[in-house]
Amino acid sequence: MLENAQILVVEDNDELRGILADFLEVKGATVDFADNGELGLKLALENEFDAIILDVMMPKKDGMQVTNALRKSGCTVPILMLTALNGPKDLLNGFEHGVDDFVTKPFNFPELEVRLGALIKRYRGNVASSVIEYGDLKIDQNSHRITREGQELVVTPVMYQILVKLVKAAPEMVTREALIYEIWGENTPDKDVLRSHIYLLRNVLDKPFKKPMLVTVPKFGFRLEA
């Protein structure tokens, strides 16, 4: 799952950094390290990685500051954040900054491997190289470029996955369970996580336009309406 992956670990705890290094290297990944946010940001901008494991609390720049700076610079590498904070507001704050997924400390390594592997698989573009459309919404699955009424929409990788699933099913509904499985597989997170991503997607997809597209089907799921 992680074989040949290039991974950056940004973590200021020496012991945890060493444990992560041993685990990832056993799984076949090549790992680079930073012990503070400032160095992590520099390495992420100057090198090519398949994923970044990022701690929240770090010296010089914290995890949220690093994530925000990377996204503003146009870096789309998936970010898996290590955190002791896992409330809905904490998750939403992270997603708004551009974090793709979270692992709560203390974590188990099978969960870390599954979540990291899923992020890398999506990032490497394991989707058909074609354009899909619904109404005035267009998604280029090769470049991951999304436009509505010709206006480009900036979304996170998880929001992208949700939107692709909805467009392919449109105008039919996609259940919450199907969306969760599409993104996280069998490692099901709390449903508040999906709710947070839907909230952010709605802000990007609907708020700038006169007619909303993303429709909630109460208790069941979501669908797009052209």
Protein backbone atom coordinates (compact mmCIF):
# COMPACT_ATOMS: atom_id res chain seq x y z
CA MET A 1 0.00 0.00 0.00
CA LEU A 2 2.86 2.40 0.81
CA GLU A 3 5.56 0.78 -1.32
CA ASN A 4 7.70 3.34 -3.22
CA ALA A 5 5.76 6.23 -1.69
CA GLN A 6 7.68 9.44 -0.94
CA ILE A 7 6.48 10.68 2.44
CA LEU A 8 7.39 13.75 4.47
CA VAL A 9 6.98 13.47 8.25
CA VAL A 10 6.81 16.78 10.12
CA GLU A 11 6.90 15.97 13.83
CA ASP A 12 8.89 17.58 16.67
CA ASN A 13 8.79 14.57 19.01
CA ASP A 14 12.02 12.62 18.45
CA GLU A 15 10.64 9.31 19.69
CA LEU A 16 7.46 9.43 17.61
CA ARG A 17 9.42 10.57 14.57
CA GLY A 18 11.70 7.54 14.92
CA ILE A 19 8.77 5.15 15.36
CA LEU A 20 7.06 6.55 12.26
CA ALA A 21 10.31 6.25 10.30
CA ASP A 22 10.72 2.58 11.22
CA PHE A 23 7.11 1.73 10.37
CA LEU A 24 7.01 3.57 7.03
CA GLU A 25 10.35 2.23 5.87
CA VAL A 26 9.31 -1.34 6.70
CA LYS A 27 6.27 -0.73 4.47
CA GLY A 28 8.57 0.25 1.59
CA ALA A 29 8.20 4.04 1.74
CA THR A 30 11.02 6.58 1.39
CA VAL A 31 10.79 9.05 4.25
CA ASP A 32 12.10 12.57 4.81
CA PHE A 33 11.79 14.44 8.09
CA ALA A 34 11.42 17.86 9.66
CA ASP A 35 11.33 18.63 13.39
CA ASN A 36 9.57 22.00 13.05
CA GLY A 37 6.91 23.57 10.85
CA GLU A 38 9.22 26.03 9.14
CA LEU A 39 11.57 23.31 7.89
CA GLY A 40 8.61 21.12 6.97
CA LEU A 41 7.14 23.86 4.81
CA LYS A 42 10.50 24.41 3.08
CA LEU A 43 10.95 20.71 2.31
CA ALA A 44 7.37 20.33 1.08
CA LEU A 45 7.75 23.23 -1.35
CA GLU A 46 11.16 22.19 -2.65
CA ASN A 47 10.58 18.44 -3.12
CA GLU A 48 8.05 16.02 -4.59
CA PHE A 49 6.11 13.94 -2.05
CA ASP A 50 3.14 11.60 -2.30
CA ALA A 51 1.89 12.56 1.17
CA ILE A 52 2.74 14.62 4.23
CA ILE A 53 2.24 13.48 7.83
CA LEU A 54 1.94 16.63 9.89
CA ASP A 55 1.66 17.24 13.63
CA VAL A 56 -0.55 20.07 14.87
CA MET A 57 1.55 21.49 17.68
CA MET A 58 5.11 22.30 16.55
CA PRO A 59 7.71 25.03 17.01
CA LYS A 60 8.20 27.92 14.56
CA LYS A 61 5.02 27.12 12.55
CA ASP A 62 2.17 24.94 13.73
CA GLY A 63 0.47 22.36 11.53
CA MET A 64 -2.41 24.60 10.52
CA GLN A 65 -0.04 27.39 9.47
CA VAL A 66 2.01 24.96 7.40
CA THR A 67 -1.09 23.52 5.72
CA ASN A 68 -2.49 26.96 4.96
CA ALA A 69 0.83 28.11 3.44
CA LEU A 70 1.09 24.98 1.29
CA ARG A 71 -2.41 25.32 -0.09
CA LYS A 72 -1.96 29.02 -0.81
CA SER A 73 1.20 28.18 -2.75
CA GLY A 74 -0.75 25.72 -4.91
CA CYS A 75 0.64 22.55 -3.31
CA THR A 76 -1.96 19.75 -3.58
CA VAL A 77 -0.02 16.96 -1.84
CA PRO A 78 -2.38 15.18 0.58
CA ILE A 79 -1.89 16.03 4.25
CA LEU A 80 -2.62 13.59 7.07
CA MET A 81 -2.63 15.45 10.36
CA LEU A 82 -1.75 13.91 13.73
CA THR A 83 -3.78 15.51 16.48
CA ALA A 84 -5.12 15.03 19.97
CA LEU A 85 -8.08 17.27 19.05
CA ASN A 86 -10.91 15.44 17.30
CA GLY A 87 -14.07 17.43 18.00
CA PRO A 88 -16.27 18.54 15.06
CA LYS A 89 -15.01 22.14 15.31
CA ASP A 90 -11.38 20.99 15.31
CA LEU A 91 -11.96 18.81 12.25
CA LEU A 92 -13.82 21.53 10.38
CA ASN A 93 -11.06 24.02 11.15
CA GLY A 94 -8.50 21.59 9.75
CA PHE A 95 -10.48 20.88 6.60
CA GLU A 96 -10.93 24.61 6.01
CA HIS A 97 -7.15 25.02 6.11
CA GLY A 98 -6.71 22.21 3.57
CA VAL A 99 -6.06 19.11 5.69
CA ASP A 100 -7.25 15.94 3.91
CA ASP A 101 -7.61 13.55 6.83
CA PHE A 102 -6.86 13.15 10.53
CA VAL A 103 -5.45 10.46 12.79
CA THR A 104 -6.05 11.02 16.49
CA LYS A 105 -3.26 10.42 18.99
CA PRO A 106 -2.65 7.85 20.29
CA PHE A 107 -3.16 6.08 16.95
CA ASN A 108 -2.72 2.51 15.77
CA PHE A 109 -0.49 1.79 12.80
CA PRO A 110 -2.98 -0.23 10.72
CA GLU A 111 -5.31 2.79 10.73
CA LEU A 112 -2.45 5.11 9.80
CA GLU A 113 -1.47 2.83 6.92
CA VAL A 114 -5.02 2.59 5.56
CA ARG A 115 -5.69 6.32 5.72
CA LEU A 116 -2.30 7.22 4.25
CA GLY A 117 -2.64 4.63 1.50
CA ALA A 118 -6.07 5.93 0.50
CA LEU A 119 -4.79 9.51 0.29
CA ILE A 120 -1.82 8.50 -1.86
CA LYS A 121 -3.98 6.39 -4.17
CA ARG A 122 -6.28 9.32 -4.84
CA TYR A 123 -3.41 11.75 -5.24
CA ARG A 124 -1.69 9.59 -7.83
CA GLY A 125 -4.79 9.97 -9.95
CA ASN A 126 -6.09 6.43 -10.08
CA VAL A 127 -9.19 7.52 -11.97
CA ALA A 128 -10.22 7.44 -15.62
CA SER A 129 -8.69 10.16 -17.79
CA SER A 130 -11.92 11.71 -19.01
CA VAL A 131 -14.22 14.66 -18.54
CA ILE A 132 -17.53 14.16 -16.76
CA GLU A 133 -20.32 16.73 -16.72
CA TYR A 134 -23.66 17.42 -15.14
CA GLY A 135 -25.56 20.61 -15.84
CA ASP A 136 -23.08 23.50 -15.85
CA LEU A 137 -20.60 21.51 -13.74
CA LYS A 138 -17.58 19.97 -15.47
CA ILE A 139 -14.81 17.81 -13.98
CA ASP A 140 -11.61 16.89 -15.82
CA GLN A 141 -10.53 13.68 -14.11
CA ASN A 142 -7.09 13.89 -15.68
CA SER A 143 -6.14 17.32 -14.35
CA HIS A 144 -8.67 17.29 -11.44
CA ARG A 145 -9.87 20.70 -12.68
CA ILE A 146 -13.46 21.56 -11.74
CA THR A 147 -15.50 24.36 -13.30
CA ARG A 148 -19.06 25.60 -12.93
CA GLU A 149 -20.39 28.09 -15.47
CA GLY A 150 -16.80 28.30 -16.66
CA GLN A 151 -15.57 29.42 -13.23
CA GLU A 152 -12.88 27.25 -11.67
CA LEU A 153 -13.69 25.78 -8.26
CA VAL A 154 -10.91 25.18 -5.74
CA VAL A 155 -11.57 22.08 -3.64
CA THR A 156 -9.63 19.73 -1.37
CA PRO A 157 -8.90 16.15 -2.54
CA VAL A 158 -11.68 14.76 -0.33
CA MET A 159 -14.20 17.30 -1.64
CA TYR A 160 -13.11 16.32 -5.15
CA GLN A 161 -13.86 12.64 -4.46
CA ILE A 162 -17.31 13.49 -3.13
CA LEU A 163 -18.13 15.63 -6.16
CA VAL A 164 -16.95 13.01 -8.66
CA LYS A 165 -19.15 10.41 -6.98
CA LEU A 166 -22.17 12.74 -7.06
CA VAL A 167 -21.65 13.75 -10.70
CA LYS A 168 -21.34 10.13 -11.83
CA ALA A 169 -24.58 9.25 -10.05
CA ALA A 170 -26.53 12.42 -10.93
CA PRO A 171 -29.39 13.02 -10.79
CA GLU A 172 -29.74 9.96 -8.57
CA MET A 173 -28.94 10.10 -4.85
CA VAL A 174 -25.71 8.83 -3.30
CA THR A 175 -26.12 7.52 0.24
CA ARG A 176 -24.00 8.76 3.12
CA GLU A 177 -22.64 5.23 3.53
CA ALA A 178 -21.57 5.07 -0.13
CA LEU A 179 -19.73 8.39 0.14
CA ILE A 180 -17.99 7.35 3.34
CA TYR A 181 -16.89 4.06 1.78
CA GLU A 182 -15.68 5.81 -1.40
CA ILE A 183 -13.39 8.07 0.62
CA TRP A 184 -12.34 6.02 3.64
CA GLY A 185 -13.06 2.44 2.62
CA GLU A 186 -13.79 0.09 5.50
CA ASN A 187 -12.02 2.37 7.99
CA THR A 188 -15.20 4.33 8.68
CA PRO A 189 -14.75 7.65 10.50
CA ASP A 190 -17.29 9.52 12.57
CA LYS A 191 -20.11 10.84 10.36
CA ASP A 192 -19.34 14.36 11.57
CA VAL A 193 -16.28 14.18 9.32
CA LEU A 194 -18.42 13.70 6.20
CA ARG A 195 -20.74 16.48 7.37
CA SER A 196 -17.79 18.85 7.60
CA HIS A 197 -16.65 18.07 4.06
CA ILE A 198 -20.20 18.49 2.70
CA TYR A 199 -20.47 21.86 4.43
CA LEU A 200 -17.24 23.05 2.84
CA LEU A 201 -18.19 21.65 -0.58
CA ARG A 202 -21.52 23.47 -0.47
CA ASN A 203 -19.71 26.75 0.23
CA VAL A 204 -17.60 26.29 -2.91
CA LEU A 205 -20.15 24.69 -5.23
CA ASP A 206 -23.31 26.63 -4.40
CA LYS A 207 -22.77 29.89 -2.51
CA PRO A 208 -21.11 31.83 -5.37
CA PHE A 209 -23.96 30.93 -7.77
CA LYS A 210 -27.66 31.78 -8.04
CA LYS A 211 -28.93 28.20 -8.06
CA PRO A 212 -27.73 25.56 -5.56
CA MET A 213 -26.79 22.13 -6.95
CA LEU A 214 -26.03 20.08 -3.85
CA VAL A 215 -29.24 18.73 -2.35
CA THR A 216 -29.48 16.91 0.98
CA VAL A 217 -31.88 13.98 1.11
CA PRO A 218 -32.67 13.91 4.85
CA LYS A 219 -31.54 10.74 6.67
CA PHE A 220 -30.30 9.15 3.42
CA GLY A 221 -27.68 11.05 1.44
CA PHE A 222 -27.05 13.68 -1.21
CA ARG A 223 -27.67 14.33 -4.89
CA LEU A 224 -26.97 16.99 -7.50
CA GLU A 225 -29.69 19.01 -9.15
CA ALA A 226 -28.92 20.74 -12.46
